[in-house]
Amino acid sequence: MTTLHYRTADVDGFKVFYRQAGAANAPKLLLLHGFPTAGHMFRDLIPLLANQFNLVAPDLPGFGQSDMPPRSNFKYTFDNLADVIDR
């Protein structure tokens, strides 16, 4: 049975929600969703891969359960979204 953890990370003062499963010492696999979905789209895939990988499936800012900062405080560009995930 795979244990799925629901967590958040503070990135520049706003909440980024993510799902995590798998052993901490397993190879890492980052599951990034597309537009207009969220990390929830991996709900069936995560249990299948969690025995082999340490999985992280974040909700990008403005999607799913992550915060949606106003456009005056956050630029919704691919470069900026990549920077958030990098942090």
N, C-alpha and C. Protein backbone atom coordinates (compact mmCIF):
# COMPACT_ATOMS: atom_id res chain seq x y z
N MET A 1 0.83 -1.19 0.00
CA MET A 1 0.00 0.00 0.00
C MET A 1 0.87 1.25 0.00
N THR A 2 0.64 2.13 -0.93
CA THR A 2 1.40 3.36 -1.05
C THR A 2 0.82 4.43 -0.15
N THR A 3 1.70 5.08 0.61
CA THR A 3 1.27 6.22 1.43
C THR A 3 1.48 7.48 0.61
N LEU A 4 0.42 8.21 0.44
CA LEU A 4 0.47 9.47 -0.29
C LEU A 4 0.39 10.60 0.71
N HIS A 5 1.34 11.51 0.62
CA HIS A 5 1.39 12.66 1.53
C HIS A 5 0.94 13.91 0.78
N TYR A 6 0.17 14.74 1.46
CA TYR A 6 -0.28 16.02 0.92
C TYR A 6 0.44 17.10 1.70
N ARG A 7 1.22 17.91 0.99
CA ARG A 7 2.07 18.90 1.66
C ARG A 7 2.00 20.24 0.94
N THR A 8 2.56 21.24 1.61
CA THR A 8 2.70 22.55 0.98
C THR A 8 4.11 23.07 1.23
N ALA A 9 4.54 23.93 0.34
CA ALA A 9 5.82 24.61 0.48
C ALA A 9 5.56 26.10 0.31
N ASP A 10 6.27 26.90 1.10
CA ASP A 10 6.17 28.35 0.97
C ASP A 10 7.21 28.80 -0.06
N VAL A 11 6.75 29.40 -1.13
CA VAL A 11 7.63 29.92 -2.17
C VAL A 11 7.33 31.40 -2.32
N ASP A 12 8.25 32.22 -1.86
CA ASP A 12 8.10 33.68 -1.96
C ASP A 12 6.80 34.17 -1.33
N GLY A 13 6.40 33.54 -0.24
CA GLY A 13 5.23 34.01 0.50
C GLY A 13 3.90 33.43 0.05
N PHE A 14 3.89 32.55 -0.93
CA PHE A 14 2.63 31.91 -1.28
C PHE A 14 2.79 30.39 -1.24
N LYS A 15 1.65 29.71 -1.07
CA LYS A 15 1.60 28.27 -0.85
C LYS A 15 1.61 27.51 -2.18
N VAL A 16 2.53 26.55 -2.28
CA VAL A 16 2.53 25.60 -3.40
C VAL A 16 2.20 24.24 -2.82
N PHE A 17 1.08 23.69 -3.23
CA PHE A 17 0.61 22.39 -2.77
C PHE A 17 1.27 21.30 -3.61
N TYR A 18 1.60 20.16 -2.97
CA TYR A 18 2.12 19.04 -3.74
C TYR A 18 1.78 17.70 -3.08
N ARG A 19 1.75 16.69 -3.91
CA ARG A 19 1.56 15.32 -3.46
C ARG A 19 2.92 14.64 -3.51
N GLN A 20 3.21 13.79 -2.52
CA GLN A 20 4.49 13.10 -2.48
C GLN A 20 4.27 11.66 -2.05
N ALA A 21 4.99 10.75 -2.69
CA ALA A 21 4.91 9.33 -2.35
C ALA A 21 6.23 8.67 -2.70
N GLY A 22 6.49 7.54 -2.08
CA GLY A 22 7.69 6.77 -2.36
C GLY A 22 8.76 6.98 -1.31
N ALA A 23 9.74 6.09 -1.32
CA ALA A 23 10.83 6.13 -0.35
C ALA A 23 11.75 7.31 -0.61
N ALA A 24 12.21 7.93 0.47
CA ALA A 24 13.07 9.12 0.35
C ALA A 24 14.38 8.82 -0.36
N ASN A 25 14.88 7.59 -0.26
CA ASN A 25 16.15 7.24 -0.90
C ASN A 25 15.99 6.70 -2.32
N ALA A 26 14.77 6.64 -2.84
CA ALA A 26 14.53 6.17 -4.20
C ALA A 26 14.86 7.28 -5.20
N PRO A 27 15.08 6.92 -6.46
CA PRO A 27 15.31 7.96 -7.47
C PRO A 27 14.12 8.92 -7.51
N LYS A 28 14.41 10.19 -7.72
CA LYS A 28 13.37 11.23 -7.70
C LYS A 28 12.70 11.34 -9.07
N LEU A 29 11.39 11.58 -9.04
CA LEU A 29 10.64 11.80 -10.28
C LEU A 29 9.65 12.93 -10.02
N LEU A 30 9.78 13.99 -10.78
CA LEU A 30 8.91 15.16 -10.67
C LEU A 30 7.83 15.06 -11.73
N LEU A 31 6.57 15.08 -11.31
CA LEU A 31 5.44 14.97 -12.22
C LEU A 31 4.79 16.35 -12.36
N LEU A 32 4.99 16.97 -13.51
CA LEU A 32 4.45 18.32 -13.75
C LEU A 32 3.23 18.23 -14.65
N HIS A 33 2.16 18.87 -14.21
CA HIS A 33 0.92 18.85 -14.98
C HIS A 33 0.95 19.91 -16.07
N GLY A 34 0.02 19.79 -17.00
CA GLY A 34 -0.12 20.77 -18.07
C GLY A 34 -1.28 21.71 -17.79
N PHE A 35 -1.61 22.49 -18.77
CA PHE A 35 -2.70 23.46 -18.66
C PHE A 35 -3.97 22.79 -19.18
N PRO A 36 -5.07 22.90 -18.57
CA PRO A 36 -5.47 23.57 -17.34
C PRO A 36 -5.73 22.58 -16.22
N THR A 37 -4.82 21.70 -15.93
CA THR A 37 -5.04 20.65 -14.94
C THR A 37 -4.32 20.95 -13.63
N ALA A 38 -4.06 19.92 -12.84
CA ALA A 38 -3.33 20.04 -11.57
C ALA A 38 -2.67 18.70 -11.30
N GLY A 39 -1.89 18.63 -10.22
CA GLY A 39 -1.23 17.39 -9.86
C GLY A 39 -2.19 16.23 -9.63
N HIS A 40 -3.46 16.54 -9.40
CA HIS A 40 -4.50 15.51 -9.21
C HIS A 40 -4.57 14.57 -10.41
N MET A 41 -4.15 15.04 -11.57
CA MET A 41 -4.23 14.20 -12.77
C MET A 41 -3.35 12.95 -12.66
N PHE A 42 -2.41 12.95 -11.72
CA PHE A 42 -1.51 11.81 -11.54
C PHE A 42 -1.99 10.85 -10.46
N ARG A 43 -3.21 11.00 -9.99
CA ARG A 43 -3.73 10.20 -8.87
C ARG A 43 -3.68 8.70 -9.14
N ASP A 44 -3.85 8.26 -10.38
CA ASP A 44 -3.79 6.84 -10.70
C ASP A 44 -2.37 6.37 -11.00
N LEU A 45 -1.51 7.28 -11.46
CA LEU A 45 -0.14 6.93 -11.80
C LEU A 45 0.76 6.83 -10.57
N ILE A 46 0.55 7.67 -9.60
CA ILE A 46 1.41 7.71 -8.40
C ILE A 46 1.48 6.34 -7.71
N PRO A 47 0.38 5.66 -7.44
CA PRO A 47 0.50 4.35 -6.77
C PRO A 47 1.25 3.31 -7.61
N LEU A 48 1.21 3.46 -8.92
CA LEU A 48 1.91 2.51 -9.79
C LEU A 48 3.43 2.71 -9.79
N LEU A 49 3.88 3.94 -9.54
CA LEU A 49 5.31 4.26 -9.59
C LEU A 49 5.97 4.42 -8.23
N ALA A 50 5.18 4.52 -7.17
CA ALA A 50 5.72 4.85 -5.84
C ALA A 50 6.66 3.78 -5.28
N ASN A 51 6.58 2.55 -5.75
CA ASN A 51 7.49 1.51 -5.25
C ASN A 51 8.88 1.64 -5.87
N GLN A 52 8.99 2.39 -6.97
CA GLN A 52 10.27 2.54 -7.67
C GLN A 52 10.88 3.93 -7.53
N PHE A 53 10.05 4.95 -7.25
CA PHE A 53 10.51 6.33 -7.26
C PHE A 53 10.00 7.09 -6.04
N ASN A 54 10.69 8.18 -5.73
CA ASN A 54 10.18 9.18 -4.80
C ASN A 54 9.52 10.23 -5.68
N LEU A 55 8.22 10.30 -5.64
CA LEU A 55 7.43 11.13 -6.55
C LEU A 55 7.00 12.43 -5.89
N VAL A 56 7.04 13.50 -6.67
CA VAL A 56 6.50 14.78 -6.25
C VAL A 56 5.65 15.31 -7.40
N ALA A 57 4.39 15.61 -7.10
CA ALA A 57 3.46 16.14 -8.10
C ALA A 57 2.88 17.46 -7.59
N PRO A 58 3.52 18.59 -7.93
CA PRO A 58 3.03 19.88 -7.43
C PRO A 58 1.88 20.43 -8.26
N ASP A 59 1.10 21.28 -7.63
CA ASP A 59 0.13 22.10 -8.35
C ASP A 59 0.84 23.43 -8.63
N LEU A 60 0.96 23.79 -9.88
CA LEU A 60 1.60 25.06 -10.22
C LEU A 60 0.81 26.22 -9.63
N PRO A 61 1.45 27.35 -9.39
CA PRO A 61 0.72 28.52 -8.88
C PRO A 61 -0.47 28.86 -9.79
N GLY A 62 -1.61 29.08 -9.15
CA GLY A 62 -2.83 29.38 -9.90
C GLY A 62 -3.64 28.16 -10.29
N PHE A 63 -3.15 26.97 -9.92
CA PHE A 63 -3.84 25.73 -10.28
C PHE A 63 -4.07 24.89 -9.03
N GLY A 64 -5.09 24.04 -9.09
CA GLY A 64 -5.34 23.09 -8.02
C GLY A 64 -5.45 23.75 -6.66
N GLN A 65 -4.70 23.23 -5.69
CA GLN A 65 -4.77 23.71 -4.32
C GLN A 65 -3.66 24.70 -3.97
N SER A 66 -2.84 25.08 -4.95
CA SER A 66 -1.82 26.10 -4.71
C SER A 66 -2.47 27.47 -4.72
N ASP A 67 -1.79 28.43 -4.09
CA ASP A 67 -2.29 29.81 -4.09
C ASP A 67 -2.32 30.38 -5.51
N MET A 68 -3.19 31.35 -5.69
CA MET A 68 -3.29 32.06 -6.95
C MET A 68 -2.95 33.53 -6.68
N PRO A 69 -1.66 33.87 -6.71
CA PRO A 69 -1.30 35.27 -6.45
C PRO A 69 -1.87 36.17 -7.55
N PRO A 70 -2.23 37.40 -7.20
CA PRO A 70 -2.72 38.33 -8.22
C PRO A 70 -1.62 38.64 -9.24
N ARG A 71 -2.03 38.94 -10.44
CA ARG A 71 -1.06 39.22 -11.50
C ARG A 71 -0.16 40.39 -11.17
N SER A 72 -0.61 41.27 -10.29
CA SER A 72 0.25 42.39 -9.88
C SER A 72 1.43 41.92 -9.02
N ASN A 73 1.31 40.72 -8.42
CA ASN A 73 2.37 40.18 -7.56
C ASN A 73 3.11 38.99 -8.17
N PHE A 74 2.60 38.46 -9.26
CA PHE A 74 3.19 37.25 -9.84
C PHE A 74 2.99 37.26 -11.35
N LYS A 75 4.06 37.02 -12.09
CA LYS A 75 3.98 36.95 -13.55
C LYS A 75 3.77 35.49 -13.95
N TYR A 76 2.65 35.21 -14.56
CA TYR A 76 2.31 33.85 -14.98
C TYR A 76 2.95 33.55 -16.34
N THR A 77 4.27 33.43 -16.33
CA THR A 77 5.02 33.07 -17.53
C THR A 77 5.63 31.69 -17.32
N PHE A 78 5.99 31.02 -18.40
CA PHE A 78 6.62 29.71 -18.27
C PHE A 78 7.93 29.81 -17.49
N ASP A 79 8.70 30.87 -17.75
CA ASP A 79 9.97 31.05 -17.03
C ASP A 79 9.73 31.21 -15.53
N ASN A 80 8.75 32.00 -15.16
CA ASN A 80 8.49 32.22 -13.74
C ASN A 80 7.92 30.97 -13.07
N LEU A 81 7.05 30.24 -13.75
CA LEU A 81 6.55 28.98 -13.20
C LEU A 81 7.69 27.99 -13.00
N ALA A 82 8.63 27.94 -13.94
CA ALA A 82 9.80 27.07 -13.80
C ALA A 82 10.66 27.49 -12.61
N ASP A 83 10.79 28.80 -12.41
CA ASP A 83 11.56 29.29 -11.25
C ASP A 83 10.91 28.86 -9.94
N VAL A 84 9.58 28.90 -9.87
CA VAL A 84 8.88 28.47 -8.65
C VAL A 84 9.17 26.99 -8.38
N ILE A 85 9.07 26.16 -9.40
CA ILE A 85 9.32 24.73 -9.23
C ILE A 85 10.78 24.48 -8.87
N ASP A 86 11.68 25.26 -9.43
CA ASP A 86 13.10 25.12 -9.12
C ASP A 86 13.37 25.42 -7.64
N ARG A 87 12.66 26.40 -7.10
CA ARG A 87 12.85 26.73 -5.68
C ARG A 87 12.17 25.70 -4.81
